[in-house]
C-alpha cells in the first residue's frame, strides 16, 4: 500500500511538473485603470489556486469556531469524577503509581440531549 501511495505521489508530481513546463509562456494580466502585469502562466495559475485556498479557509473559520465553542460547552456539561473515600490505594504490580481515577465517570440525571446522539443543530434563521 505504501508503494502504491508513493507511485500516486510520483505520478501527480510528474503531471504537475509537465503542466508547469508546458505553460512557461508569459501572460499579461490587465487590471483596472490601465495597469497590467506580466508573469509566466504557471505562476498565475498557482497564485489563483493559493488565493482560492485562502478564501476557502477564511469562509470556513466561523463554522470551525462555532463547532469548537459547541464542543467546549458540551465538555462543561460533563460532571466532575466522584471521589470515593472508601477506595483502597494499594497499587497493583501493573500500575505506574497510585491511581488518579476514582471509578467510572457518572452522568447527570438529565442531559439536554442523549449522550450517544449528536446535539441538535441550531435552527436556520
PDB file of N, CA and C in Angstrom:
ATOM      1  N   UNK A   1       0.817  -1.188   0.000  1.00  0.00           N
ATOM      2  CA  UNK A   1       0.000   0.000   0.000  1.00  0.00           C
ATOM      3  C   UNK A   1       0.865   1.258   0.000  1.00  0.00           C
ATOM      4  N   UNK A   2       2.000   1.186   0.731  1.00  0.00           N
ATOM      5  CA  UNK A   2       2.898   2.339   0.745  1.00  0.00           C
ATOM      6  C   UNK A   2       3.475   2.604  -0.636  1.00  0.00           C
ATOM      7  N   UNK A   3       3.812   1.538  -1.344  1.00  0.00           N
ATOM      8  CA  UNK A   3       4.376   1.702  -2.681  1.00  0.00           C
ATOM      9  C   UNK A   3       3.347   2.318  -3.621  1.00  0.00           C
ATOM     10  N   UNK A   4       2.098   1.921  -3.479  1.00  0.00           N
ATOM     11  CA  UNK A   4       1.034   2.495  -4.305  1.00  0.00           C
ATOM     12  C   UNK A   4       0.852   3.976  -3.991  1.00  0.00           C
ATOM     13  N   UNK A   5       0.962   4.323  -2.724  1.00  0.00           N
ATOM     14  CA  UNK A   5       0.849   5.720  -2.326  1.00  0.00           C
ATOM     15  C   UNK A   5       1.986   6.550  -2.936  1.00  0.00           C
ATOM     16  N   UNK A   6       3.205   6.050  -2.874  1.00  0.00           N
ATOM     17  CA  UNK A   6       4.336   6.775  -3.452  1.00  0.00           C
ATOM     18  C   UNK A   6       4.240   6.829  -4.976  1.00  0.00           C
ATOM     19  N   UNK A   7       3.712   5.787  -5.580  1.00  0.00           N
ATOM     20  CA  UNK A   7       3.515   5.790  -7.022  1.00  0.00           C
ATOM     21  C   UNK A   7       2.508   6.872  -7.419  1.00  0.00           C
ATOM     22  N   UNK A   8       1.440   7.000  -6.665  1.00  0.00           N
ATOM     23  CA  UNK A   8       0.447   8.043  -6.910  1.00  0.00           C
ATOM     24  C   UNK A   8       1.069   9.432  -6.745  1.00  0.00           C
ATOM     25  N   UNK A   9       1.872   9.626  -5.705  1.00  0.00           N
ATOM     26  CA  UNK A   9       2.525  10.926  -5.496  1.00  0.00           C
ATOM     27  C   UNK A   9       3.487  11.252  -6.643  1.00  0.00           C
ATOM     28  N   UNK A  10       4.237  10.245  -7.098  1.00  0.00           N
ATOM     29  CA  UNK A  10       5.155  10.467  -8.209  1.00  0.00           C
ATOM     30  C   UNK A  10       4.415  10.827  -9.490  1.00  0.00           C
ATOM     31  N   UNK A  11       3.306  10.147  -9.747  1.00  0.00           N
ATOM     32  CA  UNK A  11       2.506  10.452 -10.926  1.00  0.00           C
ATOM     33  C   UNK A  11       1.935  11.867 -10.851  1.00  0.00           C
ATOM     34  N   UNK A  12       1.439  12.255  -9.697  1.00  0.00           N
ATOM     35  CA  UNK A  12       0.901  13.605  -9.526  1.00  0.00           C
ATOM     36  C   UNK A  12       2.001  14.646  -9.721  1.00  0.00           C
ATOM     37  N   UNK A  13       3.189  14.404  -9.155  1.00  0.00           N
ATOM     38  CA  UNK A  13       4.295  15.338  -9.335  1.00  0.00           C
ATOM     39  C   UNK A  13       4.665  15.447 -10.812  1.00  0.00           C
ATOM     40  N   UNK A  14       4.727  14.322 -11.508  1.00  0.00           N
ATOM     41  CA  UNK A  14       5.086  14.339 -12.930  1.00  0.00           C
ATOM     42  C   UNK A  14       4.068  15.128 -13.745  1.00  0.00           C
ATOM     43  N   UNK A  15       2.797  14.925 -13.471  1.00  0.00           N
ATOM     44  CA  UNK A  15       1.748  15.642 -14.207  1.00  0.00           C
ATOM     45  C   UNK A  15       1.841  17.143 -13.946  1.00  0.00           C
ATOM     46  N   UNK A  16       2.029  17.536 -12.687  1.00  0.00           N
ATOM     47  CA  UNK A  16       2.131  18.962 -12.370  1.00  0.00           C
ATOM     48  C   UNK A  16       3.410  19.572 -12.943  1.00  0.00           C
ATOM     49  N   UNK A  17       4.492  18.819 -12.926  1.00  0.00           N
ATOM     50  CA  UNK A  17       5.748  19.318 -13.493  1.00  0.00           C
ATOM     51  C   UNK A  17       5.614  19.493 -15.006  1.00  0.00           C
ATOM     52  N   UNK A  18       4.982  18.536 -15.676  1.00  0.00           N
ATOM     53  CA  UNK A  18       4.762  18.664 -17.117  1.00  0.00           C
ATOM     54  C   UNK A  18       3.854  19.848 -17.422  1.00  0.00           C
ATOM     55  N   UNK A  19       2.843  20.081 -16.578  1.00  0.00           N
ATOM     56  CA  UNK A  19       1.966  21.238 -16.750  1.00  0.00           C
ATOM     57  C   UNK A  19       2.770  22.532 -16.638  1.00  0.00           C
ATOM     58  N   UNK A  20       3.673  22.589 -15.662  1.00  0.00           N
ATOM     59  CA  UNK A  20       4.482  23.794 -15.486  1.00  0.00           C
ATOM     60  C   UNK A  20       5.415  24.005 -16.673  1.00  0.00           C
ATOM     61  N   UNK A  21       5.996  22.934 -17.193  1.00  0.00           N
ATOM     62  CA  UNK A  21       6.890  23.077 -18.338  1.00  0.00           C
ATOM     63  C   UNK A  21       6.139  23.499 -19.601  1.00  0.00           C
ATOM     64  N   UNK A  22       4.909  23.048 -19.756  1.00  0.00           N
ATOM     65  CA  UNK A  22       4.134  23.396 -20.938  1.00  0.00           C
ATOM     66  C   UNK A  22       3.531  24.794 -20.874  1.00  0.00           C
ATOM     67  N   UNK A  23       3.544  25.428 -19.723  1.00  0.00           N
ATOM     68  CA  UNK A  23       2.933  26.752 -19.569  1.00  0.00           C
ATOM     69  C   UNK A  23       3.946  27.775 -19.075  1.00  0.00           C
ATOM     70  N   UNK A  24       5.097  27.842 -19.741  1.00  0.00           N
ATOM     71  CA  UNK A  24       6.120  28.794 -19.341  1.00  0.00           C
ATOM     72  C   UNK A  24       5.988  30.133 -20.062  1.00  0.00           C
ATOM     73  N   UNK A  25       5.105  30.231 -21.030  1.00  0.00           N
ATOM     74  CA  UNK A  25       4.996  31.473 -21.774  1.00  0.00           C
ATOM     75  C   UNK A  25       4.415  32.573 -20.884  1.00  0.00           C
ATOM     76  N   UNK A  26       4.707  33.802 -21.247  1.00  0.00           N
ATOM     77  CA  UNK A  26       4.239  34.939 -20.463  1.00  0.00           C
ATOM     78  C   UNK A  26       2.787  35.249 -20.792  1.00  0.00           C
ATOM     79  N   UNK A  27       2.061  35.603 -19.760  1.00  0.00           N
ATOM     80  CA  UNK A  27       0.697  36.087 -19.941  1.00  0.00           C
ATOM     81  C   UNK A  27       0.626  37.485 -19.346  1.00  0.00           C
ATOM     82  N   UNK A  28      -0.284  38.247 -19.860  1.00  0.00           N
ATOM     83  CA  UNK A  28      -0.432  39.614 -19.381  1.00  0.00           C
ATOM     84  C   UNK A  28      -1.791  39.741 -18.699  1.00  0.00           C
ATOM     85  N   UNK A  29      -1.745  40.106 -17.431  1.00  0.00           N
ATOM     86  CA  UNK A  29      -2.972  40.357 -16.683  1.00  0.00           C
ATOM     87  C   UNK A  29      -3.260  41.849 -16.753  1.00  0.00           C
ATOM     88  N   UNK A  30      -4.424  42.180 -17.257  1.00  0.00           N
ATOM     89  CA  UNK A  30      -4.806  43.588 -17.384  1.00  0.00           C
ATOM     90  C   UNK A  30      -5.749  43.946 -16.253  1.00  0.00           C
ATOM     91  N   UNK A  31      -5.321  44.887 -15.432  1.00  0.00           N
ATOM     92  CA  UNK A  31      -6.099  45.333 -14.283  1.00  0.00           C
ATOM     93  C   UNK A  31      -6.879  46.588 -14.654  1.00  0.00           C
ATOM     94  N   UNK A  32      -7.525  47.166 -13.673  1.00  0.00           N
ATOM     95  CA  UNK A  32      -8.267  48.394 -13.888  1.00  0.00           C
ATOM     96  C   UNK A  32      -7.321  49.583 -14.044  1.00  0.00           C
ATOM     97  N   UNK A  33      -7.817  50.638 -14.638  1.00  0.00           N
ATOM     98  CA  UNK A  33      -7.103  51.911 -14.812  1.00  0.00           C
ATOM     99  C   UNK A  33      -5.810  51.745 -15.603  1.00  0.00           C
ATOM    100  N   UNK A  34      -5.765  50.804 -16.509  1.00  0.00           N
ATOM    101  CA  UNK A  34      -4.627  50.652 -17.401  1.00  0.00           C
ATOM    102  C   UNK A  34      -3.439  49.910 -16.832  1.00  0.00           C
ATOM    103  N   UNK A  35      -3.533  49.406 -15.630  1.00  0.00           N
ATOM    104  CA  UNK A  35      -2.418  48.650 -15.061  1.00  0.00           C
ATOM    105  C   UNK A  35      -2.374  47.259 -15.701  1.00  0.00           C
ATOM    106  N   UNK A  36      -1.168  46.771 -15.921  1.00  0.00           N
ATOM    107  CA  UNK A  36      -1.001  45.418 -16.445  1.00  0.00           C
ATOM    108  C   UNK A  36       0.211  44.781 -15.775  1.00  0.00           C
ATOM    109  N   UNK A  37       0.206  43.448 -15.797  1.00  0.00           N
ATOM    110  CA  UNK A  37       1.270  42.699 -15.132  1.00  0.00           C
ATOM    111  C   UNK A  37       1.559  41.469 -15.964  1.00  0.00           C
ATOM    112  N   UNK A  38       2.839  41.202 -16.210  1.00  0.00           N
ATOM    113  CA  UNK A  38       3.236  40.032 -16.978  1.00  0.00           C
ATOM    114  C   UNK A  38       3.929  39.027 -16.067  1.00  0.00           C
ATOM    115  N   UNK A  39       3.556  37.765 -16.244  1.00  0.00           N
ATOM    116  CA  UNK A  39       4.154  36.687 -15.449  1.00  0.00           C
ATOM    117  C   UNK A  39       3.975  35.381 -16.214  1.00  0.00           C
ATOM    118  N   UNK A  40       4.809  34.367 -15.913  1.00  0.00           N
ATOM    119  CA  UNK A  40       4.590  33.054 -16.530  1.00  0.00           C
ATOM    120  C   UNK A  40       3.227  32.482 -16.128  1.00  0.00           C
ATOM    121  N   UNK A  41       2.620  31.782 -17.055  1.00  0.00           N
ATOM    122  CA  UNK A  41       1.275  31.232 -16.839  1.00  0.00           C
ATOM    123  C   UNK A  41       1.211  30.348 -15.600  1.00  0.00           C
ATOM    124  N   UNK A  42       2.231  29.545 -15.341  1.00  0.00           N
ATOM    125  CA  UNK A  42       2.192  28.625 -14.211  1.00  0.00           C
ATOM    126  C   UNK A  42       2.136  29.403 -12.892  1.00  0.00           C
ATOM    127  N   UNK A  43       2.789  30.562 -12.801  1.00  0.00           N
ATOM    128  CA  UNK A  43       2.727  31.358 -11.575  1.00  0.00           C
ATOM    129  C   UNK A  43       1.353  31.987 -11.389  1.00  0.00           C
ATOM    130  N   UNK A  44       0.736  32.373 -12.485  1.00  0.00           N
ATOM    131  CA  UNK A  44      -0.618  32.929 -12.398  1.00  0.00           C
ATOM    132  C   UNK A  44      -1.590  31.857 -11.901  1.00  0.00           C
ATOM    133  N   UNK A  45      -1.496  30.657 -12.453  1.00  0.00           N
ATOM    134  CA  UNK A  45      -2.381  29.567 -12.027  1.00  0.00           C
ATOM    135  C   UNK A  45      -2.116  29.217 -10.563  1.00  0.00           C
ATOM    136  N   UNK A  46      -0.849  29.149 -10.160  1.00  0.00           N
ATOM    137  CA  UNK A  46      -0.504  28.857  -8.773  1.00  0.00           C
ATOM    138  C   UNK A  46      -1.041  29.942  -7.835  1.00  0.00           C
ATOM    139  N   UNK A  47      -0.918  31.197  -8.242  1.00  0.00           N
ATOM    140  CA  UNK A  47      -1.425  32.292  -7.412  1.00  0.00           C
ATOM    141  C   UNK A  47      -2.934  32.253  -7.252  1.00  0.00           C
ATOM    142  N   UNK A  48      -3.644  31.960  -8.328  1.00  0.00           N
ATOM    143  CA  UNK A  48      -5.106  31.867  -8.251  1.00  0.00           C
ATOM    144  C   UNK A  48      -5.518  30.683  -7.384  1.00  0.00           C
ATOM    145  N   UNK A  49      -4.800  29.564  -7.481  1.00  0.00           N
ATOM    146  CA  UNK A  49      -5.092  28.408  -6.643  1.00  0.00           C
ATOM    147  C   UNK A  49      -4.876  28.750  -5.164  1.00  0.00           C
ATOM    148  N   UNK A  50      -3.756  29.400  -4.846  1.00  0.00           N
ATOM    149  CA  UNK A  50      -3.477  29.778  -3.456  1.00  0.00           C
ATOM    150  C   UNK A  50      -4.525  30.759  -2.936  1.00  0.00           C
ATOM    151  N   UNK A  51      -4.935  31.709  -3.764  1.00  0.00           N
ATOM    152  CA  UNK A  51      -5.968  32.661  -3.369  1.00  0.00           C
ATOM    153  C   UNK A  51      -7.291  31.943  -3.093  1.00  0.00           C
ATOM    154  N   UNK A  52      -7.620  30.939  -3.894  1.00  0.00           N
ATOM    155  CA  UNK A  52      -8.829  30.154  -3.662  1.00  0.00           C
ATOM    156  C   UNK A  52      -8.756  29.362  -2.368  1.00  0.00           C
ATOM    157  N   UNK A  53      -7.584  28.811  -2.062  1.00  0.00           N
ATOM    158  CA  UNK A  53      -7.423  28.065  -0.800  1.00  0.00           C
ATOM    159  C   UNK A  53      -7.598  28.987   0.405  1.00  0.00           C
ATOM    160  N   UNK A  54      -6.993  30.156   0.344  1.00  0.00           N
ATOM    161  CA  UNK A  54      -7.110  31.121   1.446  1.00  0.00           C
ATOM    162  C   UNK A  54      -8.560  31.562   1.608  1.00  0.00           C
ATOM    163  N   UNK A  55      -9.241  31.818   0.513  1.00  0.00           N
ATOM    164  CA  UNK A  55     -10.646  32.217   0.574  1.00  0.00           C
ATOM    165  C   UNK A  55     -11.502  31.108   1.183  1.00  0.00           C
ATOM    166  N   UNK A  56     -11.242  29.860   0.816  1.00  0.00           N
ATOM    167  CA  UNK A  56     -11.991  28.738   1.386  1.00  0.00           C
ATOM    168  C   UNK A  56     -11.768  28.594   2.882  1.00  0.00           C
ATOM    169  N   UNK A  57     -10.531  28.747   3.327  1.00  0.00           N
ATOM    170  CA  UNK A  57     -10.239  28.643   4.764  1.00  0.00           C
ATOM    171  C   UNK A  57     -10.913  29.779   5.522  1.00  0.00           C
ATOM    172  N   UNK A  58     -10.844  30.983   4.989  1.00  0.00           N
ATOM    173  CA  UNK A  58     -11.479  32.117   5.654  1.00  0.00           C
ATOM    174  C   UNK A  58     -13.000  31.960   5.694  1.00  0.00           C
ATOM    175  N   UNK A  59     -13.575  31.348   4.677  1.00  0.00           N
ATOM    176  CA  UNK A  59     -15.019  31.126   4.669  1.00  0.00           C
ATOM    177  C   UNK A  59     -15.421  30.073   5.700  1.00  0.00           C
ATOM    178  N   UNK A  60     -14.538  29.128   6.009  1.00  0.00           N
ATOM    179  CA  UNK A  60     -14.848  28.066   6.964  1.00  0.00           C
ATOM    180  C   UNK A  60     -14.587  28.454   8.423  1.00  0.00           C
ATOM    181  N   UNK A  61     -13.829  29.520   8.663  1.00  0.00           N
ATOM    182  CA  UNK A  61     -13.467  29.880  10.035  1.00  0.00           C
ATOM    183  C   UNK A  61     -14.667  30.061  10.964  1.00  0.00           C
ATOM    184  N   UNK A  62     -15.717  30.795  10.588  1.00  0.00           N
ATOM    185  CA  UNK A  62     -16.843  30.932  11.524  1.00  0.00           C
ATOM    186  C   UNK A  62     -17.466  29.594  11.907  1.00  0.00           C
ATOM    187  N   UNK A  63     -17.565  28.677  10.958  1.00  0.00           N
ATOM    188  CA  UNK A  63     -18.128  27.361  11.250  1.00  0.00           C
ATOM    189  C   UNK A  63     -17.214  26.591  12.198  1.00  0.00           C
ATOM    190  N   UNK A  64     -15.931  26.640  11.960  1.00  0.00           N
ATOM    191  CA  UNK A  64     -14.984  25.952  12.856  1.00  0.00           C
ATOM    192  C   UNK A  64     -15.061  26.517  14.272  1.00  0.00           C
ATOM    193  N   UNK A  65     -15.125  27.839  14.388  1.00  0.00           N
ATOM    194  CA  UNK A  65     -15.199  28.462  15.711  1.00  0.00           C
ATOM    195  C   UNK A  65     -16.488  28.062  16.420  1.00  0.00           C
ATOM    196  N   UNK A  66     -17.606  28.004  15.678  1.00  0.00           N
ATOM    197  CA  UNK A  66     -18.874  27.619  16.285  1.00  0.00           C
ATOM    198  C   UNK A  66     -18.804  26.179  16.790  1.00  0.00           C
ATOM    199  N   UNK A  67     -18.226  25.265  16.009  1.00  0.00           N
ATOM    200  CA  UNK A  67     -18.111  23.873  16.438  1.00  0.00           C
ATOM    201  C   UNK A  67     -17.184  23.732  17.639  1.00  0.00           C
ATOM    202  N   UNK A  68     -16.117  24.507  17.675  1.00  0.00           N
ATOM    203  CA  UNK A  68     -15.223  24.458  18.843  1.00  0.00           C
ATOM    204  C   UNK A  68     -15.941  24.946  20.087  1.00  0.00           C
ATOM    205  N   UNK A  69     -16.732  26.029  19.937  1.00  0.00           N
ATOM    206  CA  UNK A  69     -17.479  26.560  21.069  1.00  0.00           C
ATOM    207  C   UNK A  69     -18.512  25.537  21.547  1.00  0.00           C
ATOM    208  N   UNK A  70     -19.204  24.877  20.620  1.00  0.00           N
ATOM    209  CA  UNK A  70     -20.182  23.852  20.995  1.00  0.00           C
ATOM    210  C   UNK A  70     -19.505  22.684  21.704  1.00  0.00           C
ATOM    211  N   UNK A  71     -18.343  22.262  21.220  1.00  0.00           N
ATOM    212  CA  UNK A  71     -17.616  21.158  21.861  1.00  0.00           C
ATOM    213  C   UNK A  71     -17.170  21.551  23.264  1.00  0.00           C
ATOM    214  N   UNK A  72     -16.723  22.796  23.435  1.00  0.00           N
ATOM    215  CA  UNK A  72     -16.308  23.259  24.758  1.00  0.00           C
ATOM    216  C   UNK A  72     -17.510  23.302  25.708  1.00  0.00           C
ATOM    217  N   UNK A  73     -18.656  23.747  25.203  1.00  0.00           N
ATOM    218  CA  UNK A  73     -19.849  23.787  26.045  1.00  0.00           C
ATOM    219  C   UNK A  73     -20.311  22.383  26.414  1.00  0.00           C
ATOM    220  N   UNK A  74     -20.178  21.428  25.503  1.00  0.00           N
ATOM    221  CA  UNK A  74     -20.532  20.038  25.817  1.00  0.00           C
ATOM    222  C   UNK A  74     -19.605  19.481  26.885  1.00  0.00           C
ATOM    223  N   UNK A  75     -18.325  19.823  26.801  1.00  0.00           N
ATOM    224  CA  UNK A  75     -17.373  19.323  27.801  1.00  0.00           C
ATOM    225  C   UNK A  75     -17.703  19.884  29.180  1.00  0.00           C
ATOM    226  N   UNK A  76     -18.244  21.096  29.219  1.00  0.00           N
ATOM    227  CA  UNK A  76     -18.603  21.680  30.512  1.00  0.00           C
ATOM    228  C   UNK A  76     -19.829  20.994  31.116  1.00  0.00           C
ATOM    229  N   UNK A  77     -20.646  20.335  30.280  1.00  0.00           N
ATOM    230  CA  UNK A  77     -21.822  19.623  30.789  1.00  0.00           C
ATOM    231  C   UNK A  77     -21.462  18.319  31.486  1.00  0.00           C
ATOM    232  N   UNK A  78     -20.285  17.769  31.171  1.00  0.00           N
ATOM    233  CA  UNK A  78     -19.880  16.516  31.804  1.00  0.00           C
ATOM    234  C   UNK A  78     -19.541  16.770  33.261  1.00  0.00           C
ATOM    235  N   UNK A  79     -19.970  15.902  34.160  1.00  0.00           N
ATOM    236  CA  UNK A  79     -19.711  16.127  35.583  1.00  0.00           C
ATOM    237  C   UNK A  79     -18.266  15.800  35.945  1.00  0.00           C
ATOM    238  N   UNK A  80     -17.874  16.328  37.067  1.00  0.00           N
ATOM    239  CA  UNK A  80     -16.554  16.000  37.616  1.00  0.00           C
ATOM    240  C   UNK A  80     -16.603  14.569  38.146  1.00  0.00           C
ATOM    241  N   UNK A  81     -15.486  13.840  38.089  1.00  0.00           N
ATOM    242  CA  UNK A  81     -15.494  12.475  38.628  1.00  0.00           C
ATOM    243  C   UNK A  81     -15.728  12.497  40.144  1.00  0.00           C
ATOM    244  N   UNK A  82     -16.485  11.525  40.609  1.00  0.00           N
ATOM    245  CA  UNK A  82     -16.821  11.433  42.023  1.00  0.00           C
ATOM    246  C   UNK A  82     -15.655  10.817  42.776  1.00  0.00           C
ATOM    247  N   UNK A  83     -15.228  11.471  43.844  1.00  0.00           N
ATOM    248  CA  UNK A  83     -14.122  10.962  44.650  1.00  0.00           C
ATOM    249  C   UNK A  83     -14.701  10.032  45.706  1.00  0.00           C
ATOM    250  N   UNK A  84     -14.238   8.795  45.714  1.00  0.00           N
ATOM    251  CA  UNK A  84     -14.719   7.796  46.658  1.00  0.00           C
ATOM    252  C   UNK A  84     -13.672   7.652  47.753  1.00  0.00           C
ATOM    253  N   UNK A  85     -14.044   8.027  48.977  1.00  0.00           N
ATOM    254  CA  UNK A  85     -13.083   7.971  50.086  1.00  0.00           C
ATOM    255  C   UNK A  85     -12.831   6.543  50.554  1.00  0.00           C
ATOM    256  N   UNK A  86     -13.680   5.577  50.181  1.00  0.00           N
ATOM    257  CA  UNK A  86     -13.516   4.190  50.607  1.00  0.00           C
ATOM    258  C   UNK A  86     -12.599   3.403  49.675  1.00  0.00           C
ATOM    259  N   UNK A  87     -12.104   4.052  48.630  1.00  0.00           N
ATOM    260  CA  UNK A  87     -11.273   3.343  47.655  1.00  0.00           C
ATOM    261  C   UNK A  87      -9.922   3.022  48.272  1.00  0.00           C
ATOM    262  N   UNK A  88      -9.465   1.815  48.062  1.00  0.00           N
ATOM    263  CA  UNK A  88      -8.166   1.423  48.580  1.00  0.00           C
ATOM    264  C   UNK A  88      -7.091   1.942  47.646  1.00  0.00           C
ATOM    265  N   UNK A  89      -5.973   2.299  48.209  1.00  0.00           N
ATOM    266  CA  UNK A  89      -4.887   2.860  47.414  1.00  0.00           C
ATOM    267  C   UNK A  89      -3.735   1.881  47.276  1.00  0.00           C
ATOM    268  N   UNK A  90      -3.992   0.607  47.366  1.00  0.00           N
ATOM    269  CA  UNK A  90      -2.918  -0.366  47.183  1.00  0.00           C
ATOM    270  C   UNK A  90      -2.669  -0.537  45.694  1.00  0.00           C
ATOM    271  N   UNK A  91      -1.489  -0.132  45.251  1.00  0.00           N
ATOM    272  CA  UNK A  91      -1.213  -0.232  43.812  1.00  0.00           C
ATOM    273  C   UNK A  91      -0.953  -1.677  43.409  1.00  0.00           C
ATOM    274  N   UNK A  92      -1.396  -2.017  42.243  1.00  0.00           N
ATOM    275  CA  UNK A  92      -1.123  -3.350  41.718  1.00  0.00           C
ATOM    276  C   UNK A  92       0.258  -3.343  41.070  1.00  0.00           C
ATOM    277  N   UNK A  93       0.851  -4.501  40.822  1.00  0.00           N
ATOM    278  CA  UNK A  93       2.188  -4.507  40.218  1.00  0.00           C
ATOM    279  C   UNK A  93       2.191  -3.972  38.795  1.00  0.00           C
ATOM    280  N   UNK A  94       1.015  -3.836  38.182  1.00  0.00           N
ATOM    281  CA  UNK A  94       0.957  -3.354  36.808  1.00  0.00           C
ATOM    282  C   UNK A  94       0.779  -1.838  36.729  1.00  0.00           C
ATOM    283  N   UNK A  95       0.510  -1.184  37.840  1.00  0.00           N
ATOM    284  CA  UNK A  95       0.322   0.263  37.846  1.00  0.00           C
ATOM    285  C   UNK A  95       1.665   0.966  37.913  1.00  0.00           C
ATOM    286  N   UNK A  96       1.692   2.188  37.399  1.00  0.00           N
ATOM    287  CA  UNK A  96       2.900   3.010  37.488  1.00  0.00           C
ATOM    288  C   UNK A  96       2.923   3.802  38.785  1.00  0.00           C
ATOM    289  N   UNK A  97       1.858   3.826  39.485  1.00  0.00           N
ATOM    290  CA  UNK A  97       1.772   4.565  40.726  1.00  0.00           C
ATOM    291  C   UNK A  97       0.343   4.529  41.218  1.00  0.00           C
ATOM    292  N   UNK A  98       0.014   5.366  42.208  1.00  0.00           N
ATOM    293  CA  UNK A  98      -1.360   5.389  42.691  1.00  0.00           C
ATOM    294  C   UNK A  98      -2.294   5.877  41.592  1.00  0.00           C
ATOM    295  N   UNK A  99      -3.472   5.313  41.541  1.00  0.00           N
ATOM    296  CA  UNK A  99      -4.430   5.644  40.504  1.00  0.00           C
ATOM    297  C   UNK A  99      -5.021   7.023  40.745  1.00  0.00           C
ATOM    298  N   UNK A 100      -5.170   7.801  39.684  1.00  0.00           N
ATOM    299  CA  UNK A 100      -5.767   9.131  39.800  1.00  0.00           C
ATOM    300  C   UNK A 100      -7.247   9.102  39.457  1.00  0.00           C
ATOM    301  N   UNK A 101      -7.743   8.012  38.851  1.00  0.00           N
ATOM    302  CA  UNK A 101      -9.162   7.901  38.533  1.00  0.00           C
ATOM    303  C   UNK A 101      -9.898   7.353  39.742  1.00  0.00           C
ATOM    304  N   UNK A 102     -11.095   7.814  39.917  1.00  0.00           N
ATOM    305  CA  UNK A 102     -11.874   7.359  41.060  1.00  0.00           C
ATOM    306  C   UNK A 102     -13.085   6.566  40.604  1.00  0.00           C
ATOM    307  N   UNK A 103     -12.956   5.802  39.560  1.00  0.00           N
ATOM    308  CA  UNK A 103     -14.064   4.993  39.093  1.00  0.00           C
ATOM    309  C   UNK A 103     -14.601   5.518  37.776  1.00  0.00           C
ATOM    310  N   UNK A 104     -15.630   4.867  37.289  1.00  0.00           N
ATOM    311  CA  UNK A 104     -16.182   5.302  36.004  1.00  0.00           C
ATOM    312  C   UNK A 104     -16.882   6.644  36.144  1.00  0.00           C
ATOM    313  N   UNK A 105     -16.818   7.473  35.109  1.00  0.00           N
ATOM    314  CA  UNK A 105     -17.491   8.769  35.207  1.00  0.00           C
ATOM    315  C   UNK A 105     -19.004   8.571  35.223  1.00  0.00           C
ATOM    316  N   UNK A 106     -19.665   9.414  35.963  1.00  0.00           N
ATOM    317  CA  UNK A 106     -21.117   9.338  36.044  1.00  0.00           C
ATOM    318  C   UNK A 106     -21.711  10.525  35.306  1.00  0.00           C
ATOM    319  N   UNK A 107     -22.903  10.331  34.774  1.00  0.00           N
ATOM    320  CA  UNK A 107     -23.592  11.389  34.047  1.00  0.00           C
ATOM    321  C   UNK A 107     -24.653  12.006  34.937  1.00  0.00           C
ATOM    322  N   UNK A 108     -24.979  13.279  34.717  1.00  0.00           N
ATOM    323  CA  UNK A 108     -26.061  13.873  35.498  1.00  0.00           C
ATOM    324  C   UNK A 108     -27.392  13.195  35.151  1.00  0.00           C
ATOM    325  N   UNK A 109     -28.395  13.425  35.974  1.00  0.00           N
ATOM    326  CA  UNK A 109     -29.681  12.759  35.794  1.00  0.00           C
ATOM    327  C   UNK A 109     -30.292  13.077  34.434  1.00  0.00           C
ATOM    328  N   UNK A 110     -30.223  14.326  34.003  1.00  0.00           N
ATOM    329  CA  UNK A 110     -30.815  14.693  32.717  1.00  0.00           C
ATOM    330  C   UNK A 110     -29.821  15.524  31.918  1.00  0.00           C
ATOM    331  N   UNK A 111     -29.621  15.134  30.689  1.00  0.00           N
ATOM    332  CA  UNK A 111     -28.798  15.902  29.768  1.00  0.00           C
ATOM    333  C   UNK A 111     -29.717  16.578  28.756  1.00  0.00           C
ATOM    334  N   UNK A 112     -29.287  17.691  28.165  1.00  0.00           N
ATOM    335  CA  UNK A 112     -30.143  18.327  27.164  1.00  0.00           C
ATOM    336  C   UNK A 112     -30.289  17.488  25.902  1.00  0.00           C
ATOM    337  N   UNK A 113     -29.415  16.495  25.706  1.00  0.00           N
ATOM    338  CA  UNK A 113     -29.509  15.591  24.562  1.00  0.00           C
ATOM    339  C   UNK A 113     -28.905  14.268  24.990  1.00  0.00           C
ATOM    340  N   UNK A 114     -29.338  13.169  24.397  1.00  0.00           N
ATOM    341  CA  UNK A 114     -28.762  11.866  24.784  1.00  0.00           C
ATOM    342  C   UNK A 114     -27.267  11.823  24.472  1.00  0.00           C
ATOM    343  N   UNK A 115     -26.465  11.192  25.327  1.00  0.00           N
ATOM    344  CA  UNK A 115     -25.014  11.214  25.106  1.00  0.00           C
ATOM    345  C   UNK A 115     -24.571  10.415  23.887  1.00  0.00           C
ATOM    346  N   UNK A 116     -25.399   9.495  23.404  1.00  0.00           N
ATOM    347  CA  UNK A 116     -24.980   8.699  22.255  1.00  0.00           C
ATOM    348  C   UNK A 116     -25.487   9.287  20.937  1.00  0.00           C
ATOM    349  N   UNK A 117     -26.116  10.442  20.981  1.00  0.00           N
ATOM    350  CA  UNK A 117     -26.599  11.099  19.764  1.00  0.00           C
ATOM    351  C   UNK A 117     -25.992  12.487  19.674  1.00  0.00           C
ATOM    352  N   UNK A 118     -25.793  13.001  18.474  1.00  0.00           N
ATOM    353  CA  UNK A 118     -25.235  14.350  18.358  1.00  0.00           C
ATOM    354  C   UNK A 118     -26.242  15.392  18.834  1.00  0.00           C
ATOM    355  N   UNK A 119     -25.731  16.501  19.252  1.00  0.00           N
ATOM    356  CA  UNK A 119     -26.588  17.589  19.699  1.00  0.00           C
ATOM    357  C   UNK A 119     -27.382  18.129  18.522  1.00  0.00           C
ATOM    358  N   UNK A 120     -28.593  18.589  18.746  1.00  0.00           N
ATOM    359  CA  UNK A 120     -29.370  19.133  17.633  1.00  0.00           C
ATOM    360  C   UNK A 120     -28.735  20.411  17.098  1.00  0.00           C
ATOM    361  N   UNK A 121     -28.887  20.607  15.795  1.00  0.00           N
ATOM    362  CA  UNK A 121     -28.338  21.808  15.173  1.00  0.00           C
ATOM    363  C   UNK A 121     -29.222  23.008  15.491  1.00  0.00           C
ATOM    364  N   UNK A 122     -28.602  24.179  15.399  1.00  0.00           N
ATOM    365  CA  UNK A 122     -29.370  25.392  15.601  1.00  0.00           C
ATOM    366  C   UNK A 122     -30.319  25.578  14.410  1.00  0.00           C
ATOM    367  N   UNK A 123     -31.522  26.040  14.645  1.00  0.00           N
ATOM    368  CA  UNK A 123     -32.447  26.222  13.522  1.00  0.00           C
ATOM    369  C   UNK A 123     -31.958  27.341  12.601  1.00  0.00           C
ATOM    370  N   UNK A 124     -32.256  27.177  11.328  1.00  0.00           N
ATOM    371  CA  UNK A 124     -31.856  28.191  10.346  1.00  0.00           C
ATOM    372  C   UNK A 124     -32.684  29.438  10.542  1.00  0.00           C
ATOM    373  N   UNK A 125     -32.042  30.572  10.361  1.00  0.00           N
ATOM    374  CA  UNK A 125     -32.752  31.846  10.556  1.00  0.00           C
ATOM    375  C   UNK A 125     -33.284  32.356   9.256  1.00  0.00           C
TER     376      UNK A 125
END
